[in-house]
Amino acid sequence: MAKKTPEDIMREAEALIAQTRRNLEATSAAYQDHGLDRQKLEAGLDDKHRAEAEALFRKDMEDIEREVAEEAARLSFANAAPRAGGPRKMRNMI
């Protein structure tokens, strides 16, 4: 992996800022398309509702991370090489 120069890092940061601004504008446009005012929606959330929404969001993100980890574990077991030798032979009992 090539080492990034400070100029590369600044370019990437500026691109991320520009992308974030575009995303915020798109969100505002989506609100307007549905006849909603973003500022009124955000102002309408009191601290209790905001905290509840944030807690629900965190729980959803934790659930998603858990599901991704479980699926990764399933895939790692599914892709694991089978044991060598196959089934054991039965021994004669005396």
Protein backbone atom coordinates (compact mmCIF):
# COMPACT_ATOMS: atom_id res chain seq x y z
CA MET A 1 0.00 0.00 0.00
CA ALA A 2 1.47 3.31 -1.08
CA LYS A 3 1.97 5.99 1.53
CA LYS A 4 -0.40 8.91 1.13
CA THR A 5 0.93 12.42 0.91
CA PRO A 6 -0.68 15.23 2.89
CA GLU A 7 -2.07 16.54 -0.41
CA ASP A 8 -3.75 13.17 -1.08
CA ILE A 9 -5.29 13.19 2.37
CA MET A 10 -6.57 16.75 1.91
CA ARG A 11 -8.07 15.87 -1.49
CA GLU A 12 -9.85 12.87 0.01
CA ALA A 13 -11.12 14.96 2.93
CA GLU A 14 -12.43 17.66 0.59
CA ALA A 15 -14.14 15.00 -1.55
CA LEU A 16 -15.81 13.54 1.56
CA ILE A 17 -16.98 16.99 2.65
CA ALA A 18 -18.41 17.66 -0.81
CA GLN A 19 -20.15 14.27 -0.82
CA THR A 20 -21.62 14.93 2.63
CA ARG A 21 -22.96 18.30 1.48
CA ARG A 22 -24.53 16.68 -1.58
CA ASN A 23 -26.12 14.02 0.62
CA LEU A 24 -27.54 16.67 2.97
CA GLU A 25 -28.97 18.57 0.00
CA ALA A 26 -30.48 15.35 -1.35
CA THR A 27 -32.05 14.68 2.05
CA SER A 28 -33.58 18.16 2.11
CA ALA A 29 -34.87 17.62 -1.43
CA ALA A 30 -36.41 14.29 -0.41
CA TYR A 31 -38.18 15.97 2.50
CA GLN A 32 -39.49 18.67 0.19
CA ASP A 33 -40.66 16.08 -2.35
CA HIS A 34 -42.86 14.60 0.37
CA GLY A 35 -44.09 18.00 1.54
CA LEU A 36 -42.07 17.99 4.76
CA ASP A 37 -40.01 20.79 6.26
CA ARG A 38 -36.75 19.40 7.62
CA GLN A 39 -36.20 22.25 10.06
CA LYS A 40 -39.68 21.84 11.55
CA LEU A 41 -39.16 18.10 11.89
CA GLU A 42 -35.85 18.53 13.66
CA ALA A 43 -37.20 21.33 15.87
CA GLY A 44 -40.22 19.16 16.74
CA LEU A 45 -38.05 16.50 18.34
CA ASP A 46 -37.68 17.15 22.03
CA ASP A 47 -34.83 15.68 24.04
CA LYS A 48 -36.85 12.62 25.11
CA HIS A 49 -37.83 11.70 21.56
CA ARG A 50 -34.35 12.44 20.23
CA ALA A 51 -32.77 10.19 22.89
CA GLU A 52 -35.29 7.44 22.13
CA ALA A 53 -34.60 7.70 18.39
CA GLU A 54 -30.85 7.58 18.97
CA ALA A 55 -31.20 4.54 21.25
CA LEU A 56 -33.30 2.74 18.65
CA PHE A 57 -30.75 3.62 15.96
CA ARG A 58 -27.87 2.30 18.09
CA LYS A 59 -29.80 -0.92 18.77
CA ASP A 60 -30.46 -1.37 15.05
CA MET A 61 -26.77 -0.84 14.27
CA GLU A 62 -25.75 -3.37 16.96
CA ASP A 63 -28.24 -5.89 15.54
CA ILE A 64 -26.84 -5.36 12.04
CA GLU A 65 -23.26 -5.79 13.26
CA ARG A 66 -24.23 -8.98 15.11
CA GLU A 67 -25.98 -10.40 12.05
CA VAL A 68 -22.97 -9.59 9.87
CA ALA A 69 -20.64 -11.31 12.35
CA GLU A 70 -22.90 -14.38 12.52
CA GLU A 71 -23.09 -14.60 8.73
CA ALA A 72 -19.30 -14.24 8.48
CA ALA A 73 -18.93 -17.11 10.97
CA ARG A 74 -21.38 -19.25 8.98
CA LEU A 75 -19.50 -18.56 5.77
CA SER A 76 -16.14 -19.34 7.36
CA PHE A 77 -17.45 -22.74 8.52
CA ALA A 78 -19.08 -23.41 5.14
CA ASN A 79 -15.85 -22.60 3.31
CA ALA A 80 -13.61 -24.54 5.71
CA ALA A 81 -11.74 -27.44 4.21
CA PRO A 82 -13.28 -30.81 5.06
CA ARG A 83 -11.39 -33.03 7.48
CA ALA A 84 -8.91 -35.32 5.80
CA GLY A 85 -9.40 -39.06 5.99
CA GLY A 86 -13.17 -39.22 5.83
CA PRO A 87 -15.18 -41.41 8.22
CA ARG A 88 -13.37 -43.79 10.53
CA LYS A 89 -13.39 -47.50 9.82
CA MET A 90 -15.16 -49.77 12.24
CA ARG A 91 -12.86 -51.97 14.31
CA ASN A 92 -13.59 -55.61 14.87
CA MET A 93 -14.52 -56.33 18.44
CA ILE A 94 -12.99 -59.43 20.04
